[in-house]
Amino acid sequence: MATTPPVFATLGCRLNAYETEAMKRLADEAGVESAVVVNTCAVTAEAVRKARQEIRKLRRENPDAKVIVTGCAAQTEPETFAAMDEVDAVIGNHEKMEPATWAGLAPDLIGETERVQVNDIMSVTETASHLIDGFGTRSRAYVQVQNGCDHRCTFCIIPYGRGNSRSVPAGVIVEQIKRLVDKGFNEVVLTGVDLTSWGADLPGEPRLGDLIMRILRLVPDLPRLRISSIDSIEADDNLMLAIASEPRLMPHLHLSLQHGDDLILKRMKRRHLRDDAIAFCEEARRLRPDITFGADIIAGFPTETDAHFENSLKLVEDCDLTWLHVFPYSKREGTPAAKIPTQINGTIIKERAARLRAAGDAQAHQHLTAQLGQEHRILMENPNMGRTEQFAEVSFQTAQVEGSIVTATATRIDDHRLVV
C-alpha cells in the first residue's frame, strides 16, 4: 500500500524554515505519513490569525490527514490551537526537534500520544543545529548559529516562543559550512533570533565577530559569507574588523533599529538610542564605503506622536538605510506594550507605515541609480535573477547558471531591480 509523505507549511522567519527542514528529516526517519505539519509564527497577532487560517485551509485540502501544529504560536498559546477542531496535535518549539516526538506521531501511535506536547521553553539550554547542515536553494544556504533571546523588548513575544539565548559551538558551525561548500554552495548566511548574542553562553564567551573571523579563516574556499539581522549596539571589535578587512563578508547588514526616537526606544526597552544607530552606520560605512543597510522599523508604537514618528522617518536618511522592513504596530497580547493605555489609531498606523515605506523606496531607488555602470559580482538565485553583494536584485535578459557568481554591469532599473 502506497504511503503518503507528510505535507509541511512554514510561516514566519528563516529560522522556522531551517527547522522545517530538520522536521522533515525527523518525520521521515520516524515513518510519519498522512500528516500536515504547520510551523507557525507568533511575531504579531496577525501572524497567529494567518496560522489559524492556514490550518483550516490545509484541513480542507487534506481531509484524511492528521494536522500537527508547532512553532512559536503553538509554543506561546497552545490552548488556541488545541481548541481548534481541525488540529490533532500541538507540539512545542523544543519538542518539534526531538526524534522521540516524531516517533510518537507515527500512524499507529498518533491517537495514543499526548495531544498537546508543549513544555517550558525557558528550561531549554541547547540548540538542535546538529540535525541538518543548512537549507536553501542552489544559490545560498542558511545555517543556524543561535536560537532564543535574553532581551525583553516590550513589543515582542518571541522570547516566550524561543526561550533564552543559546549558541551553536563554533567548531560545529565551521564543519557544517565546510560540508556546504563541498556541496557547491557559494554563499552561506548565518541565522539566529538574536545573532549578536552568539557566544555569551559558550566557554570563554566568544563574540559574533570571533565566529565570523574563524569561519573565514578555516573555510578559505567559501566565496561569500552573509549575516542576517543584527543588533548594532552589540557589534564587537572583531565584527567591525571583519567589515573593514574581509571582502568575503558581504557589505550588507540588516539592523534591528525599530524606531528613531529616544523616548519610544526606551518605552520599547531597546538598548540603544538614536545617536547610537547613526554612529554605528557612520563607522561601518567609514570602514566599508560600499556597505548597505536594511532595517526593521515599527510604525505606530503606543504613545507615538507625530514628532516621534518624524524622528523615525528622518532616521531613514540619517542612517542612509536602503532596504526597509516596515512593521505597522500590532497589539500582541502577553507583551507589556499591549497594556500601554495610549494605543495609536489603526488608520494613523497604516498612514505612517506607508510614509516609511515610501521613504525606503526612495532610498532604494537612490542606491540602485548609483549602481548603474558599476561592475558587480552577482549570485544567481535563479536563471534570470541574482543579487549583488549589497543585496540588490538584478534581472538578466540571458539565462545564467543558478548558484553561480556572475560578473556583470547594470545598465538600467526596472521595477526596483537592476537590469543587465
Protein backbone atom coordinates (compact mmCIF):
# COMPACT_ATOMS: atom_id res chain seq x y z
CA MET A 1 0.00 0.00 0.00
CA ALA A 2 1.45 3.38 -1.03
CA THR A 3 2.35 5.78 1.77
CA THR A 4 1.60 9.49 1.75
CA PRO A 5 4.52 11.64 2.93
CA PRO A 6 3.68 14.49 5.32
CA VAL A 7 2.95 17.96 3.99
CA PHE A 8 4.83 20.86 5.65
CA ALA A 9 3.77 24.51 5.74
CA THR A 10 6.17 27.13 7.10
CA LEU A 11 5.12 30.56 8.32
CA GLY A 12 7.45 33.31 9.52
CA CYS A 13 11.21 33.59 9.67
CA ARG A 14 14.24 31.88 8.13
CA LEU A 15 14.84 30.03 11.39
CA ASN A 16 11.40 28.44 11.08
CA ALA A 17 12.27 27.41 7.53
CA TYR A 18 15.53 25.90 8.79
CA GLU A 19 13.67 23.95 11.46
CA THR A 20 11.08 22.72 8.96
CA GLU A 21 13.90 21.08 7.01
CA ALA A 22 15.04 19.36 10.21
CA MET A 23 11.48 18.23 10.98
CA LYS A 24 11.14 16.72 7.51
CA ARG A 25 14.13 14.52 8.25
CA LEU A 26 12.83 13.55 11.71
CA ALA A 27 9.36 12.76 10.36
CA ASP A 28 10.83 10.65 7.57
CA GLU A 29 13.02 8.69 9.99
CA ALA A 30 10.02 8.09 12.27
CA GLY A 31 7.81 6.92 9.42
CA VAL A 32 5.25 9.69 9.84
CA GLU A 33 2.75 9.72 6.98
CA SER A 34 -0.63 11.20 6.03
CA ALA A 35 0.08 14.27 8.14
CA VAL A 36 0.04 18.02 7.68
CA VAL A 37 2.60 19.92 9.77
CA VAL A 38 2.12 23.68 10.21
CA ASN A 39 5.18 25.51 11.59
CA THR A 40 3.67 28.74 12.94
CA CYS A 41 4.88 32.28 13.66
CA ALA A 42 3.87 34.35 16.69
CA VAL A 43 5.51 37.71 15.98
CA THR A 44 2.17 39.55 15.70
CA ALA A 45 -1.49 38.86 16.36
CA GLU A 46 -1.91 38.90 12.59
CA ALA A 47 0.66 36.09 12.28
CA VAL A 48 -1.40 33.95 14.65
CA ARG A 49 -4.58 34.74 12.70
CA LYS A 50 -2.85 33.68 9.47
CA ALA A 51 -1.71 30.46 11.13
CA ARG A 52 -5.28 29.57 12.07
CA GLN A 53 -6.40 30.42 8.54
CA GLU A 54 -3.67 28.21 7.05
CA ILE A 55 -4.62 25.32 9.32
CA ARG A 56 -8.25 25.47 8.22
CA LYS A 57 -7.25 25.65 4.56
CA LEU A 58 -4.90 22.68 4.84
CA ARG A 59 -7.52 20.66 6.66
CA ARG A 60 -9.97 21.26 3.81
CA GLU A 61 -7.33 20.25 1.27
CA ASN A 62 -6.22 17.17 3.25
CA PRO A 63 -9.36 15.84 4.96
CA ASP A 64 -7.87 12.45 5.83
CA ALA A 65 -4.52 13.71 7.19
CA LYS A 66 -3.57 14.34 10.79
CA VAL A 67 -2.93 18.06 11.39
CA ILE A 68 0.08 18.78 13.61
CA VAL A 69 0.70 22.39 14.73
CA THR A 70 4.08 23.56 16.02
CA GLY A 71 6.29 26.68 16.01
CA CYS A 72 6.27 29.87 18.04
CA ALA A 73 2.50 30.39 18.11
CA ALA A 74 1.99 26.81 19.26
CA GLN A 75 4.57 27.44 21.99
CA THR A 76 3.12 30.73 23.25
CA GLU A 77 -0.57 29.86 23.06
CA PRO A 78 -1.03 26.09 22.72
CA GLU A 79 -4.59 26.31 24.04
CA THR A 80 -5.60 28.39 20.99
CA PHE A 81 -4.68 25.60 18.61
CA ALA A 82 -5.73 22.73 20.87
CA ALA A 83 -9.24 24.23 20.80
CA MET A 84 -9.42 24.00 17.00
CA ASP A 85 -11.41 21.04 15.70
CA GLU A 86 -9.04 20.80 12.74
CA VAL A 87 -5.97 20.11 14.94
CA ASP A 88 -4.86 16.63 16.04
CA ALA A 89 -1.63 17.51 17.88
CA VAL A 90 0.15 20.61 19.21
CA ILE A 91 3.94 20.45 19.62
CA GLY A 92 6.26 22.99 21.26
CA ASN A 93 9.39 24.51 19.73
CA HIS A 94 11.73 22.26 21.70
CA GLU A 95 9.65 19.13 21.25
CA LYS A 96 9.48 19.56 17.47
CA MET A 97 13.25 18.99 17.25
CA GLU A 98 13.19 15.76 19.31
CA PRO A 99 13.23 12.39 17.50
CA ALA A 100 11.06 10.85 20.24
CA THR A 101 8.28 13.34 19.50
CA TRP A 102 8.09 12.26 15.87
CA ALA A 103 8.32 8.59 16.77
CA GLY A 104 5.14 9.16 18.80
CA LEU A 105 3.45 10.68 15.75
CA ALA A 106 3.83 7.60 13.56
CA PRO A 107 0.46 6.48 12.10
CA ASP A 108 -0.19 3.72 14.63
CA LEU A 109 0.61 5.92 17.65
CA ILE A 110 -0.74 9.40 16.92
CA GLY A 111 -4.03 8.70 18.67
CA GLU A 112 -2.25 7.34 21.76
CA THR A 113 0.25 10.11 22.45
CA GLU A 114 -0.49 13.25 24.42
CA ARG A 115 -2.34 15.68 22.15
CA VAL A 116 -0.54 18.78 23.49
CA GLN A 117 3.22 18.45 23.97
CA VAL A 118 4.44 21.92 24.95
CA ASN A 119 6.84 22.29 27.86
CA ASP A 120 8.74 25.21 29.42
CA ILE A 121 10.91 26.67 26.63
CA MET A 122 12.89 28.69 29.20
CA SER A 123 14.40 25.47 30.55
CA VAL A 124 15.98 24.57 27.18
CA THR A 125 19.76 25.02 27.10
CA GLU A 126 20.74 23.56 23.71
CA THR A 127 20.04 24.18 20.02
CA ALA A 128 19.24 21.43 17.53
CA SER A 129 21.69 22.60 14.87
CA HIS A 130 23.15 19.11 14.52
CA LEU A 131 20.05 17.84 12.73
CA ILE A 132 20.89 19.38 9.34
CA ASP A 133 23.83 21.28 7.86
CA GLY A 134 21.65 24.02 6.45
CA PHE A 135 18.92 24.65 3.93
CA GLY A 136 18.44 26.79 0.88
CA THR A 137 18.24 26.87 -2.86
CA ARG A 138 21.21 26.00 -5.03
CA SER A 139 22.40 29.60 -4.61
CA ARG A 140 22.77 30.04 -0.87
CA ALA A 141 22.50 28.08 2.34
CA TYR A 142 21.25 29.24 5.73
CA VAL A 143 22.98 27.96 8.86
CA GLN A 144 21.50 28.31 12.35
CA VAL A 145 24.15 29.51 14.80
CA GLN A 146 21.92 30.74 17.63
CA ASN A 147 18.38 30.46 18.97
CA GLY A 148 16.33 32.30 21.60
CA CYS A 149 16.71 35.76 23.11
CA ASP A 150 17.63 37.09 26.57
CA HIS A 151 16.16 40.55 25.98
CA ARG A 152 12.61 41.59 26.71
CA CYS A 153 11.57 44.29 24.26
CA THR A 154 8.11 45.41 25.30
CA PHE A 155 6.51 44.71 21.90
CA CYS A 156 7.99 41.24 21.39
CA ILE A 157 6.56 37.81 22.21
CA ILE A 158 9.39 35.86 20.59
CA PRO A 159 11.48 35.10 23.73
CA TYR A 160 8.44 33.27 25.11
CA GLY A 161 8.29 31.20 21.94
CA ARG A 162 12.01 30.62 21.52
CA GLY A 163 13.36 30.64 25.07
CA ASN A 164 16.61 32.14 26.28
CA SER A 165 19.62 32.66 24.03
CA ARG A 166 21.73 29.62 23.28
CA SER A 167 24.59 29.24 20.83
CA VAL A 168 25.88 26.56 18.50
CA PRO A 169 29.60 25.91 19.18
CA ALA A 170 31.95 27.44 16.60
CA GLY A 171 33.51 24.09 15.69
CA VAL A 172 30.11 22.64 14.78
CA ILE A 173 29.31 25.67 12.62
CA VAL A 174 32.64 25.56 10.80
CA GLU A 175 32.26 21.86 10.00
CA GLN A 176 28.73 22.44 8.69
CA ILE A 177 29.90 25.25 6.43
CA LYS A 178 32.80 23.16 5.11
CA ARG A 179 30.32 20.47 4.08
CA LEU A 180 28.05 23.05 2.43
CA VAL A 181 30.98 24.45 0.44
CA ASP A 182 31.89 20.91 -0.63
CA LYS A 183 28.30 20.58 -1.90
CA GLY A 184 28.80 23.63 -4.11
CA PHE A 185 27.16 26.47 -2.17
CA ASN A 186 28.73 29.83 -2.99
CA GLU A 187 27.09 31.78 -0.17
CA VAL A 188 26.27 30.94 3.44
CA VAL A 189 24.01 33.08 5.63
CA LEU A 190 24.31 32.89 9.42
CA THR A 191 20.89 32.99 11.08
CA GLY A 192 19.50 33.25 14.59
CA VAL A 193 16.92 35.03 16.70
CA ASP A 194 19.43 37.42 18.30
CA LEU A 195 22.57 36.87 16.25
CA THR A 196 24.85 39.32 18.07
CA SER A 197 24.29 37.48 21.36
CA TRP A 198 26.05 34.44 19.88
CA GLY A 199 28.72 33.04 22.18
CA ALA A 200 27.63 34.54 25.51
CA ASP A 201 26.71 31.07 26.81
CA LEU A 202 29.81 29.32 25.43
CA PRO A 203 33.14 28.78 27.23
CA GLY A 204 35.25 31.95 27.03
CA GLU A 205 32.23 33.95 25.87
CA PRO A 206 33.34 34.50 22.24
CA ARG A 207 31.55 37.14 20.18
CA LEU A 208 29.92 37.08 16.74
CA GLY A 209 32.97 38.78 15.22
CA ASP A 210 35.19 35.98 16.55
CA LEU A 211 32.93 33.42 14.85
CA ILE A 212 32.99 35.28 11.53
CA MET A 213 36.78 35.61 11.53
CA ARG A 214 37.12 31.91 12.41
CA ILE A 215 34.79 30.81 9.60
CA LEU A 216 36.61 32.91 7.02
CA ARG A 217 39.99 31.66 8.21
CA LEU A 218 39.10 27.96 8.42
CA VAL A 219 36.89 27.78 5.30
CA PRO A 220 39.05 29.57 2.71
CA ASP A 221 37.02 28.14 -0.19
CA LEU A 222 33.79 29.84 0.95
CA PRO A 223 33.23 32.66 -1.59
CA ARG A 224 30.61 34.65 0.32
CA LEU A 225 29.52 34.86 3.96
CA ARG A 226 26.47 36.90 4.90
CA ILE A 227 24.95 37.64 8.28
CA SER A 228 21.25 38.19 8.88
CA SER A 229 19.68 40.71 11.26
CA ILE A 230 21.93 42.11 13.99
CA ASP A 231 21.54 44.40 16.97
CA SER A 232 24.04 47.16 16.17
CA ILE A 233 24.61 48.12 19.82
CA GLU A 234 26.12 44.65 20.35
CA ALA A 235 28.59 44.87 17.45
CA ASP A 236 32.01 43.80 18.77
CA ASP A 237 35.51 44.83 17.71
CA ASN A 238 36.14 41.74 15.59
CA LEU A 239 32.85 42.21 13.76
CA MET A 240 33.93 45.73 12.85
CA LEU A 241 37.37 44.39 11.86
CA ALA A 242 35.72 41.80 9.60
CA ILE A 243 33.58 44.51 7.99
CA ALA A 244 36.73 46.52 7.31
CA SER A 245 39.10 43.78 6.17
CA GLU A 246 37.22 40.74 4.88
CA PRO A 247 35.91 41.11 1.31
CA ARG A 248 34.20 37.72 1.57
CA LEU A 249 31.92 39.11 4.30
CA MET A 250 29.14 40.70 2.28
CA PRO A 251 28.75 44.51 2.59
CA HIS A 252 25.12 44.37 3.70
CA LEU A 253 23.78 44.43 7.25
CA HIS A 254 20.17 44.26 8.34
CA LEU A 255 19.77 46.24 11.57
CA SER A 256 17.20 45.77 14.31
CA LEU A 257 16.57 49.50 14.86
CA GLN A 258 12.79 49.52 15.46
CA HIS A 259 12.47 53.31 15.94
CA GLY A 260 14.21 56.65 15.59
CA ASP A 261 13.03 58.46 18.72
CA ASP A 262 14.80 58.07 22.06
CA LEU A 263 11.68 58.12 24.22
CA ILE A 264 9.94 55.47 22.14
CA LEU A 265 13.12 53.37 22.12
CA LYS A 266 13.13 53.50 25.93
CA ARG A 267 9.47 52.52 26.04
CA MET A 268 10.28 49.64 23.71
CA LYS A 269 13.05 48.65 26.17
CA ARG A 270 15.62 48.79 23.42
CA ARG A 271 19.28 49.10 24.47
CA HIS A 272 20.34 51.80 22.01
CA LEU A 273 19.46 55.41 21.34
CA ARG A 274 19.04 57.22 18.06
CA ASP A 275 22.60 58.56 18.06
CA ASP A 276 23.97 55.05 18.67
CA ALA A 277 22.32 53.82 15.48
CA ILE A 278 23.63 56.76 13.46
CA ALA A 279 27.14 56.39 14.88
CA PHE A 280 27.23 52.68 14.04
CA CYS A 281 26.17 53.27 10.44
CA GLU A 282 28.70 56.06 10.02
CA GLU A 283 31.51 53.91 11.42
CA ALA A 284 30.58 50.84 9.35
CA ARG A 285 30.43 52.99 6.23
CA ARG A 286 33.82 54.53 7.04
CA LEU A 287 35.27 51.01 7.33
CA ARG A 288 33.46 49.68 4.24
CA PRO A 289 32.31 52.50 1.93
CA ASP A 290 30.22 50.19 -0.26
CA ILE A 291 28.14 48.79 2.62
CA THR A 292 24.33 48.99 2.59
CA PHE A 293 21.90 48.73 5.47
CA GLY A 294 18.48 47.23 5.83
CA ALA A 295 16.44 47.86 8.95
CA ASP A 296 13.34 46.86 10.86
CA ILE A 297 11.21 49.87 11.88
CA ILE A 298 7.87 49.80 13.71
CA ALA A 299 5.25 52.41 12.88
CA GLY A 300 2.62 53.41 15.43
CA PHE A 301 4.05 52.06 18.67
CA PRO A 302 1.81 53.08 21.62
CA THR A 303 2.27 56.76 22.63
CA GLU A 304 3.99 57.58 19.31
CA THR A 305 3.26 61.24 18.47
CA ASP A 306 3.73 62.95 15.13
CA ALA A 307 7.07 64.29 16.39
CA HIS A 308 8.22 60.81 17.49
CA PHE A 309 7.28 59.41 14.09
CA GLU A 310 9.13 62.18 12.26
CA ASN A 311 12.29 61.09 14.07
CA SER A 312 11.82 57.57 12.70
CA LEU A 313 11.20 58.96 9.23
CA LYS A 314 14.33 61.10 9.45
CA LEU A 315 16.39 58.13 10.66
CA VAL A 316 15.95 56.50 7.25
CA GLU A 317 18.00 59.30 5.74
CA ASP A 318 20.32 59.90 8.71
CA CYS A 319 21.44 56.25 8.68
CA ASP A 320 21.21 56.06 4.87
CA LEU A 321 19.06 52.95 5.10
CA THR A 322 18.44 51.16 1.81
CA TRP A 323 16.22 48.16 2.43
CA LEU A 324 13.41 48.74 4.95
CA HIS A 325 11.18 46.19 6.65
CA VAL A 326 8.32 48.33 7.97
CA PHE A 327 6.01 46.82 10.58
CA PRO A 328 2.73 48.53 11.42
CA TYR A 329 2.47 48.09 15.18
CA SER A 330 0.15 45.23 16.10
CA LYS A 331 -1.05 44.84 19.67
CA ARG A 332 0.28 41.49 20.89
CA GLU A 333 -1.44 40.09 23.97
CA GLY A 334 1.10 38.89 26.52
CA THR A 335 3.53 41.77 25.90
CA PRO A 336 3.96 44.87 28.11
CA ALA A 337 3.29 47.19 25.15
CA ALA A 338 -0.22 45.76 24.80
CA LYS A 339 -1.04 47.17 28.25
CA ILE A 340 0.01 50.74 27.44
CA PRO A 341 -3.20 52.84 27.57
CA THR A 342 -2.29 55.17 24.68
CA GLN A 343 -2.67 52.89 21.67
CA ILE A 344 -2.50 54.56 18.24
CA ASN A 345 -5.45 54.59 15.86
CA GLY A 346 -5.14 51.92 13.16
CA THR A 347 -5.66 54.38 10.31
CA ILE A 348 -2.82 56.55 11.60
CA ILE A 349 -0.57 53.49 11.92
CA LYS A 350 -1.22 52.50 8.30
CA GLU A 351 -0.56 56.04 7.09
CA ARG A 352 2.73 56.24 8.98
CA ALA A 353 3.80 52.81 7.74
CA ALA A 354 3.05 53.91 4.16
CA ARG A 355 5.20 57.02 4.60
CA LEU A 356 8.08 54.93 5.94
CA ARG A 357 7.81 52.52 3.01
CA ALA A 358 7.81 55.44 0.57
CA ALA A 359 10.96 56.80 2.22
CA GLY A 360 12.54 53.35 1.95
CA ASP A 361 11.59 53.07 -1.72
CA ALA A 362 13.21 56.46 -2.40
CA GLN A 363 16.40 55.37 -0.64
CA ALA A 364 16.47 52.08 -2.55
CA HIS A 365 15.99 53.87 -5.87
CA GLN A 366 18.83 56.24 -4.99
CA HIS A 367 21.09 53.27 -4.23
CA LEU A 368 20.15 51.44 -7.43
CA THR A 369 20.76 54.57 -9.52
CA ALA A 370 24.27 54.83 -8.07
CA GLN A 371 24.95 51.22 -9.14
CA LEU A 372 24.32 51.85 -12.85
CA GLY A 373 27.51 51.45 -14.83
CA GLN A 374 29.21 49.71 -11.90
CA GLU A 375 30.59 46.19 -12.23
CA HIS A 376 29.05 43.74 -9.74
CA ARG A 377 29.62 40.16 -8.67
CA ILE A 378 26.11 38.71 -8.67
CA LEU A 379 24.98 35.45 -7.06
CA MET A 380 22.31 33.90 -9.29
CA GLU A 381 19.19 32.87 -7.33
CA ASN A 382 17.52 31.56 -10.46
CA PRO A 383 18.50 31.66 -14.17
CA ASN A 384 17.23 35.22 -14.62
CA MET A 385 17.66 36.87 -11.21
CA GLY A 386 20.54 37.32 -8.80
CA ARG A 387 21.74 39.61 -6.03
CA THR A 388 24.73 41.88 -5.71
CA GLU A 389 26.99 41.75 -2.69
CA GLN A 390 24.91 44.64 -1.29
CA PHE A 391 21.75 42.52 -1.77
CA ALA A 392 20.24 44.45 -4.67
CA GLU A 393 18.20 42.31 -7.07
CA VAL A 394 19.48 42.07 -10.64
CA SER A 395 17.47 40.86 -13.64
CA PHE A 396 19.25 39.11 -16.53
CA GLN A 397 17.81 39.01 -20.00
CA THR A 398 20.01 36.00 -20.81
CA ALA A 399 19.75 32.91 -18.61
CA GLN A 400 22.66 32.23 -16.26
CA VAL A 401 23.68 29.18 -14.22
CA GLU A 402 21.72 29.10 -10.96
CA GLY A 403 24.04 29.30 -7.96
CA SER A 404 26.94 30.74 -9.94
CA ILE A 405 28.59 34.11 -9.27
CA VAL A 406 28.45 36.26 -12.39
CA THR A 407 30.35 39.48 -13.01
CA ALA A 408 28.18 42.00 -14.87
CA THR A 409 27.36 45.69 -15.24
CA ALA A 410 23.82 47.01 -14.77
CA THR A 411 22.55 49.38 -17.45
CA ARG A 412 19.07 50.35 -16.20
CA ILE A 413 16.48 49.98 -13.44
CA ASP A 414 13.15 48.23 -13.85
CA ASP A 415 10.62 47.60 -11.06
CA HIS A 416 13.09 48.09 -8.18
CA ARG A 417 15.72 45.89 -9.81
CA LEU A 418 18.92 46.48 -11.67
CA VAL A 419 18.89 45.10 -15.21
CA VAL A 420 21.84 43.61 -17.07
